[in-house]
Structure formats: structure tokens, C-alpha cells
Protein backbone atom coordinates (compact mmCIF):
# COMPACT_ATOMS: atom_id res chain seq x y z
CA MET A 1 153.36 166.28 135.82
CA LEU A 2 155.61 169.35 135.80
CA SER A 3 158.33 169.93 138.35
CA GLY A 4 161.02 172.52 138.72
CA THR A 5 161.78 175.76 140.38
CA GLY A 6 160.15 179.00 139.36
CA VAL A 7 161.84 181.71 137.39
CA SER A 8 162.25 184.95 139.24
CA GLY A 9 163.75 188.29 138.42
CA GLY A 10 164.26 189.23 134.82
CA ALA A 11 167.66 190.81 134.51
CA VAL A 12 169.47 190.32 131.23
CA SER A 13 173.10 189.22 131.29
CA ALA A 14 175.71 191.18 129.39
CA ALA A 15 175.81 188.51 126.66
CA GLY A 16 172.01 188.55 126.14
CA ALA A 17 171.54 185.13 127.72
CA PRO A 18 168.67 184.77 130.16
CA SER A 19 169.33 185.18 133.84
CA ASP A 20 167.82 183.17 136.69
CA VAL A 21 167.97 180.02 134.55
CA GLN A 22 166.07 177.15 136.14
CA SER A 23 165.74 173.47 135.19
CA TYR A 24 162.36 171.80 134.66
CA GLN A 25 161.03 168.31 134.06
CA GLU A 26 157.67 166.97 132.93
CA THR A 27 156.97 163.27 133.50
CA TYR A 28 154.74 160.57 132.07
CA SER A 29 152.13 159.00 134.36
CA ASN A 30 154.60 156.12 134.92
CA GLY A 31 157.05 158.60 136.48
CA LYS A 32 159.59 158.49 133.65
CA PRO A 33 160.70 161.83 132.19
CA ARG A 34 158.76 163.14 129.22
CA VAL A 35 160.82 166.31 128.72
CA THR A 36 163.58 168.19 130.54
CA TRP A 37 164.65 171.75 129.81
CA SER A 38 166.22 174.88 131.25
CA ALA A 39 165.04 178.43 130.70
CA GLY A 40 165.20 181.92 132.08
CA ILE A 41 164.11 185.49 131.44
CA ALA A 42 165.88 187.98 129.16
CA GLY A 43 164.37 191.33 128.23
CA GLY A 44 160.99 190.21 129.56
CA ARG A 45 160.98 187.07 127.39
CA TYR A 46 161.06 183.44 128.54
CA LEU A 47 163.98 181.84 126.66
CA LEU A 48 165.28 178.29 126.52
CA GLN A 49 168.88 178.06 127.69
CA GLY A 50 170.91 174.85 127.64
CA ARG A 51 169.75 171.32 126.81
CA GLN A 52 166.16 170.35 126.04
CA VAL A 53 165.46 166.61 125.85
CA PHE A 54 162.23 164.78 124.99
CA TYR A 55 161.81 161.09 125.80
CA TYR A 56 159.61 158.28 124.55
CA GLU A 57 157.42 156.72 127.22
CA SER A 58 159.80 153.74 127.13
CA GLY A 59 162.50 156.04 128.53
CA HIS A 60 164.60 156.22 125.35
CA LYS A 61 165.62 159.66 124.10
CA GLN A 62 163.44 161.00 121.30
CA TRP A 63 164.91 164.43 120.59
CA GLU A 64 167.69 166.57 122.03
CA SER A 65 168.76 170.11 121.28
CA THR A 66 170.80 172.84 122.93
CA TYR A 67 169.71 176.47 123.14
CA GLN A 68 171.59 179.70 123.69
CA ALA A 69 169.37 182.66 124.51
CA GLY A 70 166.37 180.92 122.90
CA LYS A 71 168.14 179.92 119.66
CA LYS A 72 169.29 176.44 118.69
CA ALA A 73 173.04 175.93 118.94
CA GLY A 74 175.35 172.97 118.47
CA VAL A 75 173.85 169.58 117.63
CA GLU A 76 170.14 168.66 117.47
CA THR A 77 169.30 164.95 117.21
CA TRP A 78 166.17 162.81 116.70
CA TRP A 79 166.12 159.08 117.58
CA SER A 80 163.63 156.29 116.91
CA ASP A 81 161.94 154.59 119.88
CA ALA A 82 164.42 151.73 119.38
CA GLY A 83 167.31 154.16 119.93
CA ALA A 84 168.54 154.51 116.34
CA ARG A 85 169.61 158.01 115.28
CA GLN A 86 167.23 159.21 112.55
CA TRP A 87 168.61 162.65 111.79
CA GLU A 88 171.00 165.25 113.11
CA ARG A 89 171.32 169.00 112.58
CA THR A 90 174.45 170.95 113.49
CA TYR A 91 174.06 174.71 113.92
CA ALA A 92 176.95 177.14 113.37
CA ALA A 93 177.27 180.65 114.80
CA ASP A 94 177.09 182.21 111.29
CA GLY A 95 173.48 180.99 110.79
CA THR A 96 174.37 177.98 108.64
CA TRP A 97 173.42 174.45 109.57
CA ASP A 98 173.96 170.94 108.27
CA TRP A 99 171.27 168.26 108.25
CA LYS A 100 172.14 164.56 108.03
CA LEU A 101 169.71 161.65 107.62
CA PHE A 102 170.73 158.14 108.71
CA ASP A 103 169.68 154.63 107.74
CA ALA A 104 169.04 151.80 110.22
CA ALA A 105 172.75 150.91 110.22
CA GLY A 106 173.71 154.48 111.17
CA ARG A 107 175.12 155.43 107.76
CA VAL A 108 174.48 158.92 106.34
CA THR A 109 171.93 158.56 103.51
CA ALA A 110 171.49 162.26 102.75
CA GLU A 111 173.12 165.50 103.83
CA SER A 112 172.26 169.12 103.16
CA HIS A 113 173.80 172.49 104.02
CA TRP A 114 171.54 175.48 104.80
CA LYS A 115 171.71 179.19 105.58
CA GLY A 116 168.53 179.98 107.50
CA LYS A 117 165.78 178.51 105.31
CA ASP A 118 167.83 178.60 102.10
CA LEU A 119 169.27 175.32 100.81
CA LEU A 120 172.92 175.84 99.82
CA ASP A 121 173.98 172.30 98.90
CA ALA A 122 172.61 168.76 99.12
CA ASN A 123 173.58 165.16 98.45
CA VAL A 124 170.94 162.44 98.66
CA GLU A 125 173.53 159.73 97.98
CA GLY A 126 175.30 160.22 101.31
CA GLY A 127 177.57 162.86 102.78
CA LEU A 128 178.63 166.09 101.13
CA PRO A 129 182.20 166.35 99.85
CA ARG A 130 184.42 168.27 102.28
């Protein structure tokens, strides 16, 4: 089931972010949230803006990401149904991003650094040296 308020208008803000941003929620048949997100219109395009969260039917978070004008920004995280963090990506404004994988105890087991789709550095033994 989908709920939320409609998106109207279509003006583009000075920063390129969508205007008339509205929040939405889709639920499982048991009434628990399946996904929540916010979006608006910019330049005639429907763009995600703010947090998007998917949930397992149990109610635990599955995946969370933040969007700015339709592009991922900040931290993106995936959890197991038991609530353990599986991986995390951190997006920087310059187009680079870091990807960390975690074991069941929450320790970093692998980390990589990317620019777009190009791998810049990786360490499968744990974290990258800083």
C-alpha cells in the first residue's frame, strides 16, 4: 500500500534540488513500512531528495541511503534481517566513495576506494591505511 501526498508544481530551486518535496511510504500487508522516501520535481524530472529507507517485513532496516537532487550523498548502509551491518558506502562531493564490508562481529573485513566506477585502492584484509 502506498501513502503520501502528491507532488505538484515543478519549479527548480536555485541549487538544482527538487522543489515541492513530499514524503511517501509503502507498507507490507501487515501494516509495517516496506519503504519510505522523499522526492520532488526538478527540471521536469522526479528526483529522490533526502532519506530513502527499505525495511524487512520483520520491521528491521534493510537499506538506507540519502539523496541530493537524485544522487546518492553521505552514507548508504545495508543490514541483515538480524540487524547486523553488512556493508556501508560513503559518498563524497568530488565523486569518490568508500565501500566497507563487515563481518558478523561488526569488524571491517574489506575496504575499497572508488572514483565513479573506477577502483582506486582496495584492501581485503581490513581497512585501508589512512
